[in-house]
Amino acid sequence: MVGLRVGRTLRRAVVMVSVMAAGVAVAGVSAASGPAVSIRGITSVRLDRHFNYVVSGTATTDANHLVAWEQYVKGGGCASTFAGESSRALVQPPAKYQTTLWLNTSVSGKFSLTAQLGAQQLGVHGVCVYLINLSTGHTFAESGRFWKVHR
């Protein structure tokens, strides 16, 4: 279990990393199953409620690291690449996307991470997830999901 300190709706996020099967390692990933990542969760939640989001996928030797940001302001949605989202997080004016680093961890084989979230502020929030090569920053897979917090 990895505890994360993050902002806004993810402030109390707790990410539990579980490898689906102990025998699944990088060598155990077949050639037919390339790198992939997806995120599942609700699209609407009442203020002050708790809910879960699940990030899952398949990492390979080259696609070995998972990075995710929360966007407090949806803006144009998630960037199509890790480099694009990094630029938003580091270069753009803070009020434009209001990104917060949510997850930054190595992965291998099949993985599944569950985030327990709390709806603490009204509006549209989201998570943008990127499966990358840690050394090069190359994006192998990406996924995003947004939810609306309402009264």
N, C-alpha and C. Protein backbone atom coordinates (compact mmCIF):
# COMPACT_ATOMS: atom_id res chain seq x y z
N MET A 1 0.85 -1.17 0.00
CA MET A 1 0.00 0.00 0.00
C MET A 1 0.89 1.23 0.00
N VAL A 2 0.56 2.17 -0.85
CA VAL A 2 1.33 3.39 -0.95
C VAL A 2 0.41 4.54 -0.60
N GLY A 3 0.75 5.35 0.37
CA GLY A 3 -0.05 6.52 0.72
C GLY A 3 0.47 7.73 -0.04
N LEU A 4 -0.41 8.50 -0.61
CA LEU A 4 -0.02 9.67 -1.38
C LEU A 4 -0.60 10.92 -0.75
N ARG A 5 0.17 11.99 -0.72
CA ARG A 5 -0.35 13.28 -0.28
C ARG A 5 -0.52 14.11 -1.53
N VAL A 6 -1.74 14.40 -1.90
CA VAL A 6 -2.02 15.16 -3.11
C VAL A 6 -3.08 16.19 -2.82
N GLY A 7 -3.42 16.99 -3.82
CA GLY A 7 -4.32 18.10 -3.61
C GLY A 7 -5.75 17.82 -3.98
N ARG A 8 -6.60 18.68 -3.58
CA ARG A 8 -8.01 18.76 -3.88
C ARG A 8 -8.73 17.43 -3.67
N THR A 9 -9.42 16.91 -4.70
CA THR A 9 -10.25 15.72 -4.51
C THR A 9 -9.43 14.49 -4.19
N LEU A 10 -8.14 14.51 -4.49
CA LEU A 10 -7.32 13.33 -4.25
C LEU A 10 -6.51 13.45 -2.98
N ARG A 11 -6.77 14.48 -2.19
CA ARG A 11 -5.98 14.76 -0.99
C ARG A 11 -5.86 13.53 -0.10
N ARG A 12 -6.92 12.77 0.01
CA ARG A 12 -6.91 11.61 0.90
C ARG A 12 -6.77 10.30 0.13
N ALA A 13 -6.24 10.38 -1.07
CA ALA A 13 -6.13 9.17 -1.90
C ALA A 13 -5.18 8.17 -1.27
N VAL A 14 -5.57 6.97 -1.32
CA VAL A 14 -4.71 5.88 -0.90
C VAL A 14 -4.65 4.92 -2.07
N VAL A 15 -3.46 4.68 -2.56
CA VAL A 15 -3.32 3.82 -3.71
C VAL A 15 -2.79 2.48 -3.26
N MET A 16 -3.52 1.46 -3.59
CA MET A 16 -3.09 0.11 -3.25
C MET A 16 -2.66 -0.58 -4.53
N VAL A 17 -1.39 -0.92 -4.59
CA VAL A 17 -0.85 -1.57 -5.78
C VAL A 17 -0.87 -3.07 -5.56
N SER A 18 -1.50 -3.76 -6.46
CA SER A 18 -1.52 -5.21 -6.36
C SER A 18 -1.17 -5.82 -7.70
N VAL A 19 -0.17 -6.64 -7.73
CA VAL A 19 0.17 -7.35 -8.95
C VAL A 19 -0.84 -8.49 -9.07
N MET A 20 -1.43 -8.63 -10.22
CA MET A 20 -2.52 -9.58 -10.41
C MET A 20 -2.10 -11.02 -10.10
N ALA A 21 -0.91 -11.39 -10.48
CA ALA A 21 -0.43 -12.73 -10.16
C ALA A 21 1.07 -12.64 -9.94
N ALA A 22 1.54 -13.25 -8.88
CA ALA A 22 2.96 -13.14 -8.52
C ALA A 22 3.85 -13.64 -9.63
N GLY A 23 3.41 -14.60 -10.43
CA GLY A 23 4.23 -15.16 -11.49
C GLY A 23 4.29 -14.30 -12.72
N VAL A 24 3.46 -13.27 -12.82
CA VAL A 24 3.48 -12.42 -14.00
C VAL A 24 4.56 -11.37 -13.83
N ALA A 25 5.56 -11.47 -14.66
CA ALA A 25 6.66 -10.51 -14.64
C ALA A 25 6.87 -10.04 -16.06
N VAL A 26 7.82 -9.18 -16.26
CA VAL A 26 8.07 -8.65 -17.59
C VAL A 26 8.28 -9.79 -18.58
N ALA A 27 9.03 -10.82 -18.19
CA ALA A 27 9.28 -11.95 -19.08
C ALA A 27 8.00 -12.72 -19.37
N GLY A 28 7.01 -12.63 -18.51
CA GLY A 28 5.77 -13.38 -18.68
C GLY A 28 4.75 -12.68 -19.56
N VAL A 29 5.01 -11.48 -20.02
CA VAL A 29 4.07 -10.76 -20.87
C VAL A 29 4.25 -11.24 -22.29
N SER A 30 3.20 -11.74 -22.90
CA SER A 30 3.32 -12.27 -24.26
C SER A 30 3.45 -11.14 -25.25
N ALA A 31 3.97 -11.47 -26.41
CA ALA A 31 4.16 -10.47 -27.46
C ALA A 31 2.82 -9.90 -27.92
N ALA A 32 1.74 -10.70 -27.81
CA ALA A 32 0.43 -10.25 -28.25
C ALA A 32 -0.15 -9.20 -27.33
N SER A 33 0.30 -9.16 -26.08
CA SER A 33 -0.23 -8.17 -25.15
C SER A 33 0.78 -7.04 -24.98
N GLY A 34 0.60 -6.01 -25.76
CA GLY A 34 1.50 -4.87 -25.68
C GLY A 34 1.15 -3.98 -24.51
N PRO A 35 1.89 -2.90 -24.37
CA PRO A 35 1.62 -1.98 -23.26
C PRO A 35 0.23 -1.36 -23.37
N ALA A 36 -0.45 -1.28 -22.24
CA ALA A 36 -1.80 -0.72 -22.22
C ALA A 36 -2.10 -0.18 -20.84
N VAL A 37 -2.97 0.83 -20.79
CA VAL A 37 -3.43 1.37 -19.52
C VAL A 37 -4.87 1.85 -19.68
N SER A 38 -5.67 1.64 -18.66
CA SER A 38 -7.04 2.15 -18.67
C SER A 38 -7.40 2.60 -17.26
N ILE A 39 -8.41 3.45 -17.18
CA ILE A 39 -8.88 3.94 -15.89
C ILE A 39 -10.40 3.84 -15.87
N ARG A 40 -10.92 3.30 -14.77
CA ARG A 40 -12.36 3.12 -14.62
C ARG A 40 -12.83 3.83 -13.36
N GLY A 41 -14.03 4.37 -13.46
CA GLY A 41 -14.63 5.01 -12.30
C GLY A 41 -15.89 5.74 -12.67
N ILE A 42 -16.51 6.33 -11.69
CA ILE A 42 -17.78 7.03 -11.86
C ILE A 42 -17.59 8.31 -12.66
N THR A 43 -18.69 8.87 -13.15
CA THR A 43 -18.64 10.15 -13.87
C THR A 43 -19.36 11.26 -13.11
N SER A 44 -20.04 10.90 -12.03
CA SER A 44 -20.77 11.90 -11.24
C SER A 44 -20.81 11.43 -9.78
N VAL A 45 -20.61 12.38 -8.87
CA VAL A 45 -20.60 12.04 -7.46
C VAL A 45 -21.08 13.25 -6.65
N ARG A 46 -21.77 12.98 -5.56
CA ARG A 46 -22.21 14.05 -4.66
C ARG A 46 -21.05 14.52 -3.80
N LEU A 47 -21.08 15.79 -3.48
CA LEU A 47 -20.08 16.41 -2.60
C LEU A 47 -19.97 15.64 -1.30
N ASP A 48 -18.75 15.50 -0.81
CA ASP A 48 -18.43 14.84 0.45
C ASP A 48 -18.66 13.32 0.45
N ARG A 49 -18.73 12.71 -0.72
CA ARG A 49 -18.84 11.25 -0.82
C ARG A 49 -17.48 10.66 -1.18
N HIS A 50 -17.31 9.40 -0.90
CA HIS A 50 -16.09 8.68 -1.26
C HIS A 50 -16.38 7.75 -2.43
N PHE A 51 -15.38 7.53 -3.26
CA PHE A 51 -15.54 6.65 -4.43
C PHE A 51 -14.18 6.12 -4.83
N ASN A 52 -14.19 5.10 -5.68
CA ASN A 52 -12.94 4.48 -6.13
C ASN A 52 -12.73 4.68 -7.63
N TYR A 53 -11.48 4.78 -8.01
CA TYR A 53 -11.05 4.73 -9.40
C TYR A 53 -10.02 3.63 -9.51
N VAL A 54 -10.02 2.90 -10.61
CA VAL A 54 -9.08 1.80 -10.81
C VAL A 54 -8.26 2.05 -12.08
N VAL A 55 -6.94 2.03 -11.93
CA VAL A 55 -6.01 2.13 -13.06
C VAL A 55 -5.43 0.74 -13.26
N SER A 56 -5.55 0.20 -14.46
CA SER A 56 -5.02 -1.13 -14.73
C SER A 56 -4.38 -1.16 -16.10
N GLY A 57 -3.59 -2.19 -16.33
CA GLY A 57 -2.97 -2.33 -17.62
C GLY A 57 -1.88 -3.35 -17.64
N THR A 58 -1.07 -3.26 -18.69
CA THR A 58 0.04 -4.17 -18.89
C THR A 58 1.29 -3.37 -19.21
N ALA A 59 2.31 -3.56 -18.42
CA ALA A 59 3.60 -2.92 -18.65
C ALA A 59 4.53 -3.91 -19.36
N THR A 60 5.51 -3.38 -20.06
CA THR A 60 6.50 -4.20 -20.75
C THR A 60 7.88 -3.71 -20.34
N THR A 61 8.91 -4.32 -20.92
CA THR A 61 10.28 -3.89 -20.61
C THR A 61 10.47 -2.42 -20.93
N ASP A 62 9.95 -1.96 -22.08
CA ASP A 62 10.09 -0.56 -22.46
C ASP A 62 9.08 0.36 -21.78
N ALA A 63 7.85 -0.09 -21.64
CA ALA A 63 6.79 0.70 -21.01
C ALA A 63 6.74 0.28 -19.54
N ASN A 64 7.52 0.98 -18.70
CA ASN A 64 7.78 0.47 -17.35
C ASN A 64 7.44 1.42 -16.21
N HIS A 65 6.76 2.53 -16.51
CA HIS A 65 6.51 3.53 -15.47
C HIS A 65 5.15 4.17 -15.70
N LEU A 66 4.43 4.41 -14.61
CA LEU A 66 3.10 4.99 -14.66
C LEU A 66 3.14 6.36 -13.99
N VAL A 67 2.63 7.37 -14.70
CA VAL A 67 2.55 8.73 -14.16
C VAL A 67 1.13 9.22 -14.38
N ALA A 68 0.55 9.85 -13.36
CA ALA A 68 -0.80 10.38 -13.48
C ALA A 68 -0.90 11.73 -12.78
N TRP A 69 -1.69 12.61 -13.36
CA TRP A 69 -1.98 13.90 -12.77
C TRP A 69 -3.48 14.05 -12.59
N GLU A 70 -3.86 14.72 -11.52
CA GLU A 70 -5.24 15.15 -11.38
C GLU A 70 -5.34 16.51 -12.05
N GLN A 71 -6.43 16.71 -12.78
CA GLN A 71 -6.74 18.04 -13.31
C GLN A 71 -7.95 18.54 -12.54
N TYR A 72 -7.76 19.64 -11.83
CA TYR A 72 -8.87 20.24 -11.11
C TYR A 72 -9.77 21.02 -12.06
N VAL A 73 -9.19 21.53 -13.14
CA VAL A 73 -9.93 22.24 -14.18
C VAL A 73 -9.80 21.40 -15.45
N LYS A 74 -10.92 20.94 -16.02
CA LYS A 74 -10.85 20.02 -17.15
C LYS A 74 -10.14 20.61 -18.36
N GLY A 75 -10.30 21.89 -18.62
CA GLY A 75 -9.64 22.48 -19.78
C GLY A 75 -9.99 21.71 -21.03
N GLY A 76 -8.99 21.31 -21.79
CA GLY A 76 -9.19 20.54 -23.01
C GLY A 76 -9.12 19.05 -22.78
N GLY A 77 -9.22 18.60 -21.56
CA GLY A 77 -9.08 17.17 -21.27
C GLY A 77 -7.62 16.80 -21.10
N CYS A 78 -7.33 15.53 -21.23
CA CYS A 78 -5.96 15.05 -21.06
C CYS A 78 -5.16 15.28 -22.34
N ALA A 79 -3.88 15.57 -22.19
CA ALA A 79 -2.99 15.65 -23.34
C ALA A 79 -2.79 14.24 -23.88
N SER A 80 -2.43 14.11 -25.14
CA SER A 80 -2.28 12.78 -25.74
C SER A 80 -0.97 12.10 -25.37
N THR A 81 -0.02 12.86 -24.81
CA THR A 81 1.28 12.29 -24.44
C THR A 81 1.72 12.74 -23.05
N PHE A 82 2.62 11.99 -22.47
CA PHE A 82 3.24 12.34 -21.20
C PHE A 82 3.91 13.71 -21.31
N ALA A 83 4.62 13.96 -22.41
CA ALA A 83 5.31 15.25 -22.59
C ALA A 83 4.31 16.39 -22.60
N GLY A 84 3.18 16.20 -23.26
CA GLY A 84 2.16 17.24 -23.32
C GLY A 84 1.57 17.55 -21.96
N GLU A 85 1.26 16.50 -21.19
CA GLU A 85 0.70 16.72 -19.86
C GLU A 85 1.75 17.30 -18.92
N SER A 86 3.00 16.87 -19.07
CA SER A 86 4.09 17.43 -18.26
C SER A 86 4.21 18.92 -18.50
N SER A 87 4.09 19.33 -19.76
CA SER A 87 4.16 20.75 -20.10
C SER A 87 3.05 21.53 -19.41
N ARG A 88 1.86 20.96 -19.39
CA ARG A 88 0.75 21.62 -18.71
C ARG A 88 1.04 21.77 -17.22
N ALA A 89 1.60 20.72 -16.65
CA ALA A 89 1.85 20.73 -15.20
C ALA A 89 2.99 21.67 -14.82
N LEU A 90 3.98 21.80 -15.69
CA LEU A 90 5.18 22.55 -15.34
C LEU A 90 5.26 23.94 -15.97
N VAL A 91 4.66 24.12 -17.14
CA VAL A 91 4.86 25.35 -17.90
C VAL A 91 3.64 26.26 -17.92
N GLN A 92 2.45 25.67 -18.07
CA GLN A 92 1.23 26.47 -18.20
C GLN A 92 0.96 27.26 -16.93
N PRO A 93 0.25 28.38 -17.04
CA PRO A 93 -0.15 29.09 -15.82
C PRO A 93 -0.96 28.16 -14.92
N PRO A 94 -0.70 28.17 -13.62
CA PRO A 94 -1.35 27.23 -12.70
C PRO A 94 -2.87 27.21 -12.79
N ALA A 95 -3.51 28.33 -13.06
CA ALA A 95 -4.98 28.38 -13.07
C ALA A 95 -5.57 27.70 -14.30
N LYS A 96 -4.79 27.49 -15.36
CA LYS A 96 -5.35 26.95 -16.60
C LYS A 96 -5.83 25.51 -16.43
N TYR A 97 -5.02 24.62 -15.91
CA TYR A 97 -5.40 23.22 -15.73
C TYR A 97 -5.41 22.80 -14.27
N GLN A 98 -4.66 23.49 -13.44
CA GLN A 98 -4.53 23.17 -12.02
C GLN A 98 -4.22 21.69 -11.83
N THR A 99 -3.09 21.27 -12.34
CA THR A 99 -2.69 19.87 -12.24
C THR A 99 -1.93 19.60 -10.95
N THR A 100 -2.10 18.39 -10.45
CA THR A 100 -1.40 17.92 -9.26
C THR A 100 -0.88 16.51 -9.57
N LEU A 101 0.41 16.29 -9.37
CA LEU A 101 0.95 14.95 -9.57
C LEU A 101 0.26 14.00 -8.61
N TRP A 102 -0.29 12.92 -9.14
CA TRP A 102 -1.07 11.98 -8.36
C TRP A 102 -0.35 10.66 -8.18
N LEU A 103 0.32 10.21 -9.23
CA LEU A 103 0.94 8.90 -9.21
C LEU A 103 2.22 8.95 -10.02
N ASN A 104 3.27 8.34 -9.49
CA ASN A 104 4.56 8.29 -10.17
C ASN A 104 5.27 7.04 -9.67
N THR A 105 5.07 5.91 -10.38
CA THR A 105 5.55 4.63 -9.87
C THR A 105 5.95 3.68 -10.99
N SER A 106 6.91 2.84 -10.71
CA SER A 106 7.31 1.80 -11.65
C SER A 106 6.26 0.69 -11.65
N VAL A 107 6.06 0.08 -12.81
CA VAL A 107 5.13 -1.04 -12.95
C VAL A 107 5.78 -2.11 -13.82
N SER A 108 5.31 -3.34 -13.67
CA SER A 108 5.77 -4.42 -14.53
C SER A 108 4.66 -5.45 -14.68
N GLY A 109 4.61 -6.08 -15.83
CA GLY A 109 3.58 -7.08 -16.08
C GLY A 109 2.18 -6.49 -15.98
N LYS A 110 1.24 -7.31 -15.60
CA LYS A 110 -0.14 -6.83 -15.41
C LYS A 110 -0.22 -6.14 -14.06
N PHE A 111 -0.89 -4.98 -14.02
CA PHE A 111 -0.99 -4.23 -12.77
C PHE A 111 -2.40 -3.69 -12.61
N SER A 112 -2.75 -3.40 -11.36
CA SER A 112 -4.03 -2.79 -11.03
C SER A 112 -3.82 -1.95 -9.78
N LEU A 113 -4.22 -0.69 -9.83
CA LEU A 113 -4.09 0.22 -8.71
C LEU A 113 -5.47 0.81 -8.42
N THR A 114 -5.85 0.83 -7.16
CA THR A 114 -7.15 1.37 -6.77
C THR A 114 -6.93 2.62 -5.94
N ALA A 115 -7.57 3.70 -6.35
CA ALA A 115 -7.50 4.96 -5.60
C ALA A 115 -8.83 5.16 -4.90
N GLN A 116 -8.79 5.37 -3.61
CA GLN A 116 -9.97 5.70 -2.83
C GLN A 116 -10.00 7.22 -2.74
N LEU A 117 -11.01 7.84 -3.36
CA LEU A 117 -11.07 9.29 -3.50
C LEU A 117 -12.19 9.89 -2.68
N GLY A 118 -12.08 11.18 -2.44
CA GLY A 118 -13.12 11.92 -1.74
C GLY A 118 -13.51 13.14 -2.55
N ALA A 119 -14.81 13.35 -2.76
CA ALA A 119 -15.32 14.49 -3.51
C ALA A 119 -15.40 15.69 -2.57
N GLN A 120 -14.37 16.50 -2.58
CA GLN A 120 -14.26 17.59 -1.60
C GLN A 120 -14.57 18.97 -2.16
N GLN A 121 -14.60 19.11 -3.49
CA GLN A 121 -14.89 20.42 -4.08
C GLN A 121 -15.78 20.24 -5.30
N LEU A 122 -16.74 21.15 -5.48
CA LEU A 122 -17.64 21.12 -6.62
C LEU A 122 -16.87 21.33 -7.92
N GLY A 123 -17.41 20.81 -9.01
CA GLY A 123 -16.82 21.04 -10.32
C GLY A 123 -16.43 19.74 -11.01
N VAL A 124 -15.76 19.89 -12.15
CA VAL A 124 -15.31 18.75 -12.94
C VAL A 124 -13.84 18.51 -12.65
N HIS A 125 -13.52 17.30 -12.28
CA HIS A 125 -12.16 16.89 -11.94
C HIS A 125 -11.81 15.68 -12.78
N GLY A 126 -10.53 15.38 -12.91
CA GLY A 126 -10.16 14.21 -13.69
C GLY A 126 -8.77 13.72 -13.37
N VAL A 127 -8.47 12.55 -13.92
CA VAL A 127 -7.14 11.96 -13.79
C VAL A 127 -6.66 11.61 -15.20
N CYS A 128 -5.43 11.99 -15.52
CA CYS A 128 -4.80 11.68 -16.79
C CYS A 128 -3.61 10.76 -16.50
N VAL A 129 -3.61 9.56 -17.09
CA VAL A 129 -2.65 8.51 -16.78
C VAL A 129 -1.81 8.19 -18.02
N TYR A 130 -0.49 8.02 -17.80
CA TYR A 130 0.44 7.75 -18.90
C TYR A 130 1.35 6.59 -18.53
N LEU A 131 1.43 5.59 -19.42
CA LEU A 131 2.37 4.49 -19.28
C LEU A 131 3.55 4.84 -20.18
N ILE A 132 4.71 5.04 -19.57
CA ILE A 132 5.86 5.58 -20.29
C ILE A 132 7.12 4.73 -20.06
N ASN A 133 8.15 5.07 -20.82
CA ASN A 133 9.48 4.58 -20.52
C ASN A 133 10.11 5.62 -19.62
N LEU A 134 10.56 5.22 -18.44
CA LEU A 134 11.09 6.17 -17.47
C LEU A 134 12.32 6.90 -17.98
N SER A 135 13.17 6.22 -18.73
CA SER A 135 14.41 6.84 -19.21
C SER A 135 14.18 7.86 -20.32
N THR A 136 13.27 7.55 -21.24
CA THR A 136 13.08 8.41 -22.41
C THR A 136 11.86 9.33 -22.31
N GLY A 137 10.89 8.96 -21.48
CA GLY A 137 9.65 9.73 -21.39
C GLY A 137 8.67 9.41 -22.51
N HIS A 138 9.02 8.45 -23.38
CA HIS A 138 8.14 8.08 -24.49
C HIS A 138 6.83 7.51 -23.95
N THR A 139 5.70 7.95 -24.52
CA THR A 139 4.38 7.47 -24.12
C THR A 139 4.01 6.24 -24.91
N PHE A 140 3.69 5.15 -24.22
CA PHE A 140 3.25 3.92 -24.86
C PHE A 140 1.74 3.77 -24.81
N ALA A 141 1.11 4.31 -23.77
CA ALA A 141 -0.34 4.23 -23.63
C ALA A 141 -0.79 5.35 -22.70
N GLU A 142 -2.03 5.83 -22.91
CA GLU A 142 -2.58 6.87 -22.05
C GLU A 142 -4.06 6.66 -21.89
N SER A 143 -4.59 7.20 -20.79
CA SER A 143 -6.01 7.13 -20.54
C SER A 143 -6.40 8.27 -19.60
N GLY A 144 -7.62 8.71 -19.70
CA GLY A 144 -8.10 9.76 -18.81
C GLY A 144 -9.56 9.55 -18.47
N ARG A 145 -9.94 10.10 -17.35
CA ARG A 145 -11.33 9.97 -16.91
C ARG A 145 -11.67 11.20 -16.08
N PHE A 146 -12.87 11.75 -16.30
CA PHE A 146 -13.32 12.94 -15.58
C PHE A 146 -14.63 12.65 -14.88
N TRP A 147 -14.83 13.31 -13.75
CA TRP A 147 -16.06 13.16 -12.98
C TRP A 147 -16.52 14.54 -12.52
N LYS A 148 -17.81 14.66 -12.31
CA LYS A 148 -18.38 15.92 -11.83
C LYS A 148 -18.82 15.75 -10.40
N VAL A 149 -18.40 16.68 -9.55
CA VAL A 149 -18.82 16.71 -8.14
C VAL A 149 -19.96 17.72 -8.06
N HIS A 150 -21.11 17.26 -7.56
CA HIS A 150 -22.30 18.11 -7.47
C HIS A 150 -22.91 18.02 -6.07
N ARG A 151 -23.87 18.89 -5.81
CA ARG A 151 -24.56 18.88 -4.51
C ARG A 151 -25.61 17.80 -4.47
